[in-house]
Amino acid sequence: MSFENAIRTQRTRKGISLRSMATELGISASQLSKIETGKSKLSVDLALKIAGLLEVPASVFLSKGPPSAGGRRTITRASQEDMQTTPGMRFRPLCTDLKDHEILYWITTITATNFEENGGWHQHPGQEFFYVLSGKLKLLSQLYETAELNKGDSILFDSEQPHAYVAVDGPAELMMINVLA
């Protein structure tokens, strides 16, 4: 079932009119109709709002097709001590037995307290996502204003643009995902 059909199906199942749902979402009925018919793209933000109103997981509207079991699974044990170190950063790789090298998973500790300790600018293909597990971090960028992130904050950015990390008030620990493709 396409996301368009899923929205309409869930909406009618709940007995919600197109017009009242559009009002709840803060968009026009015309815009919601275009989304339901596939004539307009659905943003993640709007999918989350729709999912909240319809009380279903947002993945129902965001998936690219029906689920198919791929048989992928990997476990990284706490006792595994593999560690990669670069200036101002320590990386604990996760899920290393996967043969797919387009996505890398890490627990990363930022110890650099300034740009120089970080080893200068970093850049690599793809996108980078991280979620701050503990501490406070500044993400420096040549394209964007410095972003200061605290515990519980996350960011996704184009990692081809030069960037650097600086810990504020002691080390910061992150859950990091690099999408290389």
C-alpha atoms as a PDB file:
ATOM      1  CA  MET A   1       0.000   0.000   0.000  1.00  0.00           C
ATOM      2  CA  SER A   2       1.395   3.401  -0.959  1.00  0.00           C
ATOM      3  CA  PHE A   3       1.675   6.088   1.708  1.00  0.00           C
ATOM      4  CA  GLU A   4      -1.063   8.022  -0.089  1.00  0.00           C
ATOM      5  CA  ASN A   5      -3.470   5.104   0.229  1.00  0.00           C
ATOM      6  CA  ALA A   6      -2.340   4.510   3.788  1.00  0.00           C
ATOM      7  CA  ILE A   7      -3.202   8.075   4.834  1.00  0.00           C
ATOM      8  CA  ARG A   8      -6.627   7.958   3.208  1.00  0.00           C
ATOM      9  CA  THR A   9      -7.322   4.444   4.558  1.00  0.00           C
ATOM     10  CA  GLN A  10      -6.335   5.349   8.122  1.00  0.00           C
ATOM     11  CA  ARG A  11      -8.235   8.654   7.970  1.00  0.00           C
ATOM     12  CA  THR A  12     -11.476   7.066   6.750  1.00  0.00           C
ATOM     13  CA  ARG A  13     -11.097   4.184   9.232  1.00  0.00           C
ATOM     14  CA  LYS A  14     -11.056   6.762  12.021  1.00  0.00           C
ATOM     15  CA  GLY A  15     -14.045   8.581  10.500  1.00  0.00           C
ATOM     16  CA  ILE A  16     -12.104  11.827  10.001  1.00  0.00           C
ATOM     17  CA  SER A  17     -13.066  14.032   7.068  1.00  0.00           C
ATOM     18  CA  LEU A  18     -10.404  15.386   4.748  1.00  0.00           C
ATOM     19  CA  ARG A  19     -11.346  18.955   5.665  1.00  0.00           C
ATOM     20  CA  SER A  20     -11.239  18.441   9.460  1.00  0.00           C
ATOM     21  CA  MET A  21      -7.900  16.615   9.273  1.00  0.00           C
ATOM     22  CA  ALA A  22      -6.438  19.374   7.106  1.00  0.00           C
ATOM     23  CA  THR A  23      -7.595  21.939   9.654  1.00  0.00           C
ATOM     24  CA  GLU A  24      -5.974  19.956  12.482  1.00  0.00           C
ATOM     25  CA  LEU A  25      -2.736  19.799  10.486  1.00  0.00           C
ATOM     26  CA  GLY A  26      -2.802  23.504   9.650  1.00  0.00           C
ATOM     27  CA  ILE A  27      -2.849  22.908   5.887  1.00  0.00           C
ATOM     28  CA  SER A  28      -5.545  23.351   3.248  1.00  0.00           C
ATOM     29  CA  ALA A  29      -7.905  20.531   2.306  1.00  0.00           C
ATOM     30  CA  SER A  30      -6.551  20.919  -1.229  1.00  0.00           C
ATOM     31  CA  GLN A  31      -2.980  20.307  -0.012  1.00  0.00           C
ATOM     32  CA  LEU A  32      -4.025  17.208   1.954  1.00  0.00           C
ATOM     33  CA  SER A  33      -5.923  15.922  -1.076  1.00  0.00           C
ATOM     34  CA  LYS A  34      -2.782  16.381  -3.213  1.00  0.00           C
ATOM     35  CA  ILE A  35      -0.760  14.407  -0.653  1.00  0.00           C
ATOM     36  CA  GLU A  36      -3.354  11.620  -0.563  1.00  0.00           C
ATOM     37  CA  THR A  37      -3.354  11.367  -4.363  1.00  0.00           C
ATOM     38  CA  GLY A  38       0.433  11.489  -4.706  1.00  0.00           C
ATOM     39  CA  LYS A  39       0.481  14.881  -6.427  1.00  0.00           C
ATOM     40  CA  SER A  40       2.443  16.469  -3.569  1.00  0.00           C
ATOM     41  CA  LYS A  41       5.368  15.120  -1.533  1.00  0.00           C
ATOM     42  CA  LEU A  42       4.941  14.248   2.117  1.00  0.00           C
ATOM     43  CA  SER A  43       7.553  15.740   4.446  1.00  0.00           C
ATOM     44  CA  VAL A  44       8.754  13.826   7.496  1.00  0.00           C
ATOM     45  CA  ASP A  45       7.452  16.640   9.693  1.00  0.00           C
ATOM     46  CA  LEU A  46       3.943  16.383   8.235  1.00  0.00           C
ATOM     47  CA  ALA A  47       4.037  12.565   8.317  1.00  0.00           C
ATOM     48  CA  LEU A  48       4.768  12.744  12.050  1.00  0.00           C
ATOM     49  CA  LYS A  49       1.808  15.097  12.573  1.00  0.00           C
ATOM     50  CA  ILE A  50      -0.511  12.868  10.532  1.00  0.00           C
ATOM     51  CA  ALA A  51       0.670   9.787  12.408  1.00  0.00           C
ATOM     52  CA  GLY A  52      -0.018  11.542  15.712  1.00  0.00           C
ATOM     53  CA  LEU A  53      -3.549  12.477  14.657  1.00  0.00           C
ATOM     54  CA  LEU A  54      -4.298   9.003  13.313  1.00  0.00           C
ATOM     55  CA  GLU A  55      -2.472   7.241  16.182  1.00  0.00           C
ATOM     56  CA  VAL A  56      -0.309   5.062  13.925  1.00  0.00           C
ATOM     57  CA  PRO A  57       3.481   4.859  13.476  1.00  0.00           C
ATOM     58  CA  ALA A  58       4.860   7.433  11.006  1.00  0.00           C
ATOM     59  CA  SER A  59       6.686   4.598   9.213  1.00  0.00           C
ATOM     60  CA  VAL A  60       3.285   3.576   7.767  1.00  0.00           C
ATOM     61  CA  PHE A  61       3.430   6.744   5.658  1.00  0.00           C
ATOM     62  CA  LEU A  62       7.174   6.997   5.056  1.00  0.00           C
ATOM     63  CA  SER A  63       8.130   3.464   3.953  1.00  0.00           C
ATOM     64  CA  LYS A  64       9.072   2.945   0.333  1.00  0.00           C
ATOM     65  CA  GLY A  65       7.184  -0.308  -0.024  1.00  0.00           C
ATOM     66  CA  PRO A  66       5.940  -3.382   1.760  1.00  0.00           C
ATOM     67  CA  PRO A  67       8.278  -4.874   4.356  1.00  0.00           C
ATOM     68  CA  SER A  68      10.568  -7.676   3.217  1.00  0.00           C
ATOM     69  CA  ALA A  69      12.801  -9.579   5.601  1.00  0.00           C
ATOM     70  CA  GLY A  70      16.404  -9.090   4.550  1.00  0.00           C
ATOM     71  CA  GLY A  71      17.901 -11.290   7.236  1.00  0.00           C
ATOM     72  CA  ARG A  72      20.284  -8.602   8.518  1.00  0.00           C
ATOM     73  CA  ARG A  73      21.288  -8.693  12.134  1.00  0.00           C
ATOM     74  CA  THR A  74      24.418  -7.882  14.034  1.00  0.00           C
ATOM     75  CA  ILE A  75      25.315  -7.634  17.693  1.00  0.00           C
ATOM     76  CA  THR A  76      28.127  -5.615  19.211  1.00  0.00           C
ATOM     77  CA  ARG A  77      28.912  -6.808  22.709  1.00  0.00           C
ATOM     78  CA  ALA A  78      29.922  -4.388  25.451  1.00  0.00           C
ATOM     79  CA  SER A  79      33.046  -6.502  25.942  1.00  0.00           C
ATOM     80  CA  GLN A  80      34.272  -5.751  22.396  1.00  0.00           C
ATOM     81  CA  GLU A  81      37.070  -3.251  22.885  1.00  0.00           C
ATOM     82  CA  ASP A  82      37.808  -2.216  19.279  1.00  0.00           C
ATOM     83  CA  MET A  83      38.655   1.466  19.267  1.00  0.00           C
ATOM     84  CA  GLN A  84      39.775   3.876  16.576  1.00  0.00           C
ATOM     85  CA  THR A  85      41.489   7.079  17.671  1.00  0.00           C
ATOM     86  CA  THR A  86      41.979  10.317  15.762  1.00  0.00           C
ATOM     87  CA  PRO A  87      43.062  13.704  17.150  1.00  0.00           C
ATOM     88  CA  GLY A  88      40.490  14.733  19.767  1.00  0.00           C
ATOM     89  CA  MET A  89      38.159  11.789  19.073  1.00  0.00           C
ATOM     90  CA  ARG A  90      37.728   8.121  19.986  1.00  0.00           C
ATOM     91  CA  PHE A  91      35.440   5.876  17.937  1.00  0.00           C
ATOM     92  CA  ARG A  92      33.994   2.570  19.081  1.00  0.00           C
ATOM     93  CA  PRO A  93      32.717   0.881  15.913  1.00  0.00           C
ATOM     94  CA  LEU A  94      29.386  -0.917  16.097  1.00  0.00           C
ATOM     95  CA  CYS A  95      27.869  -3.537  13.768  1.00  0.00           C
ATOM     96  CA  THR A  96      31.215  -4.240  12.080  1.00  0.00           C
ATOM     97  CA  ASP A  97      30.297  -7.695  10.834  1.00  0.00           C
ATOM     98  CA  LEU A  98      27.796  -6.278   8.311  1.00  0.00           C
ATOM     99  CA  LYS A  99      29.032  -6.593   4.756  1.00  0.00           C
ATOM    100  CA  ASP A 100      27.255  -3.348   3.755  1.00  0.00           C
ATOM    101  CA  HIS A 101      29.848  -0.601   4.121  1.00  0.00           C
ATOM    102  CA  GLU A 102      27.575   2.252   3.040  1.00  0.00           C
ATOM    103  CA  ILE A 103      26.461   2.895   6.622  1.00  0.00           C
ATOM    104  CA  LEU A 104      28.833   3.027   9.592  1.00  0.00           C
ATOM    105  CA  TYR A 105      27.717   3.083  13.237  1.00  0.00           C
ATOM    106  CA  TRP A 106      29.823   4.398  16.135  1.00  0.00           C
ATOM    107  CA  ILE A 107      29.865   5.446  19.740  1.00  0.00           C
ATOM    108  CA  THR A 108      32.131   8.473  19.568  1.00  0.00           C
ATOM    109  CA  THR A 109      33.793  10.381  22.375  1.00  0.00           C
ATOM    110  CA  ILE A 110      34.883  13.928  21.582  1.00  0.00           C
ATOM    111  CA  THR A 111      37.764  15.052  23.781  1.00  0.00           C
ATOM    112  CA  ALA A 112      39.079  17.994  21.718  1.00  0.00           C
ATOM    113  CA  THR A 113      38.544  21.294  23.514  1.00  0.00           C
ATOM    114  CA  ASN A 114      39.480  23.440  20.521  1.00  0.00           C
ATOM    115  CA  PHE A 115      39.718  23.317  16.733  1.00  0.00           C
ATOM    116  CA  GLU A 116      43.434  22.449  16.685  1.00  0.00           C
ATOM    117  CA  GLU A 117      43.023  19.503  19.085  1.00  0.00           C
ATOM    118  CA  ASN A 118      40.359  18.178  16.704  1.00  0.00           C
ATOM    119  CA  GLY A 119      42.938  17.963  13.938  1.00  0.00           C
ATOM    120  CA  GLY A 120      41.398  20.671  11.762  1.00  0.00           C
ATOM    121  CA  TRP A 121      38.571  20.268   9.293  1.00  0.00           C
ATOM    122  CA  HIS A 122      37.085  16.833   8.531  1.00  0.00           C
ATOM    123  CA  GLN A 123      35.129  15.957   5.423  1.00  0.00           C
ATOM    124  CA  HIS A 124      34.025  12.710   3.844  1.00  0.00           C
ATOM    125  CA  PRO A 125      31.382  11.498   1.389  1.00  0.00           C
ATOM    126  CA  GLY A 126      27.740  11.227   2.423  1.00  0.00           C
ATOM    127  CA  GLN A 127      25.799  12.361   5.448  1.00  0.00           C
ATOM    128  CA  GLU A 128      26.483  12.258   9.142  1.00  0.00           C
ATOM    129  CA  PHE A 129      23.972  11.917  11.937  1.00  0.00           C
ATOM    130  CA  PHE A 130      24.692  12.040  15.615  1.00  0.00           C
ATOM    131  CA  TYR A 131      22.755  12.040  18.852  1.00  0.00           C
ATOM    132  CA  VAL A 132      24.421  13.452  21.966  1.00  0.00           C
ATOM    133  CA  LEU A 133      24.418  10.804  24.713  1.00  0.00           C
ATOM    134  CA  SER A 134      26.256  12.917  27.283  1.00  0.00           C
ATOM    135  CA  GLY A 135      28.097  16.200  27.552  1.00  0.00           C
ATOM    136  CA  LYS A 136      27.959  19.283  25.373  1.00  0.00           C
ATOM    137  CA  LEU A 137      29.420  19.661  21.899  1.00  0.00           C
ATOM    138  CA  LYS A 138      30.057  22.374  19.338  1.00  0.00           C
ATOM    139  CA  LEU A 139      29.863  21.369  15.683  1.00  0.00           C
ATOM    140  CA  LEU A 140      31.950  23.800  13.650  1.00  0.00           C
ATOM    141  CA  SER A 141      31.268  24.168   9.940  1.00  0.00           C
ATOM    142  CA  GLN A 142      32.586  26.175   7.023  1.00  0.00           C
ATOM    143  CA  LEU A 143      29.044  26.488   5.619  1.00  0.00           C
ATOM    144  CA  TYR A 144      26.857  26.952   8.699  1.00  0.00           C
ATOM    145  CA  GLU A 145      26.920  28.815  11.980  1.00  0.00           C
ATOM    146  CA  THR A 146      28.408  26.824  14.864  1.00  0.00           C
ATOM    147  CA  ALA A 147      25.805  24.483  16.347  1.00  0.00           C
ATOM    148  CA  GLU A 148      25.962  23.813  20.084  1.00  0.00           C
ATOM    149  CA  LEU A 149      24.326  20.534  21.028  1.00  0.00           C
ATOM    150  CA  ASN A 150      23.492  19.219  24.491  1.00  0.00           C
ATOM    151  CA  LYS A 151      22.543  15.783  25.811  1.00  0.00           C
ATOM    152  CA  GLY A 152      19.474  14.583  23.888  1.00  0.00           C
ATOM    153  CA  ASP A 153      20.074  16.853  20.860  1.00  0.00           C
ATOM    154  CA  SER A 154      20.749  15.443  17.391  1.00  0.00           C
ATOM    155  CA  ILE A 155      21.840  16.732  13.994  1.00  0.00           C
ATOM    156  CA  LEU A 156      22.059  15.445  10.425  1.00  0.00           C
ATOM    157  CA  PHE A 157      24.339  17.211   7.949  1.00  0.00           C
ATOM    158  CA  ASP A 158      26.154  16.854   4.640  1.00  0.00           C
ATOM    159  CA  SER A 159      29.548  15.525   5.730  1.00  0.00           C
ATOM    160  CA  GLU A 160      31.210  16.580   2.484  1.00  0.00           C
ATOM    161  CA  GLN A 161      31.245  20.121   3.857  1.00  0.00           C
ATOM    162  CA  PRO A 162      34.241  20.744   6.124  1.00  0.00           C
ATOM    163  CA  HIS A 163      33.329  20.281   9.787  1.00  0.00           C
ATOM    164  CA  ALA A 164      34.978  19.811  13.195  1.00  0.00           C
ATOM    165  CA  TYR A 165      33.915  18.875  16.737  1.00  0.00           C
ATOM    166  CA  VAL A 166      34.778  20.579  20.011  1.00  0.00           C
ATOM    167  CA  ALA A 167      33.739  19.298  23.439  1.00  0.00           C
ATOM    168  CA  VAL A 168      32.478  21.923  25.886  1.00  0.00           C
ATOM    169  CA  ASP A 169      33.056  21.431  29.648  1.00  0.00           C
ATOM    170  CA  GLY A 170      34.594  17.944  29.291  1.00  0.00           C
ATOM    171  CA  PRO A 171      34.195  14.991  26.918  1.00  0.00           C
ATOM    172  CA  ALA A 172      30.984  14.518  24.931  1.00  0.00           C
ATOM    173  CA  GLU A 173      29.703  11.072  23.946  1.00  0.00           C
ATOM    174  CA  LEU A 174      27.702  10.583  20.733  1.00  0.00           C
ATOM    175  CA  MET A 175      25.850   7.853  18.865  1.00  0.00           C
ATOM    176  CA  MET A 176      27.078   8.535  15.316  1.00  0.00           C
ATOM    177  CA  ILE A 177      25.923   7.169  11.980  1.00  0.00           C
ATOM    178  CA  ASN A 178      27.776   7.862   8.727  1.00  0.00           C
ATOM    179  CA  VAL A 179      25.879   7.227   5.475  1.00  0.00           C
ATOM    180  CA  LEU A 180      28.580   7.068   2.832  1.00  0.00           C
ATOM    181  CA  ALA A 181      26.455   6.634  -0.284  1.00  0.00           C
END
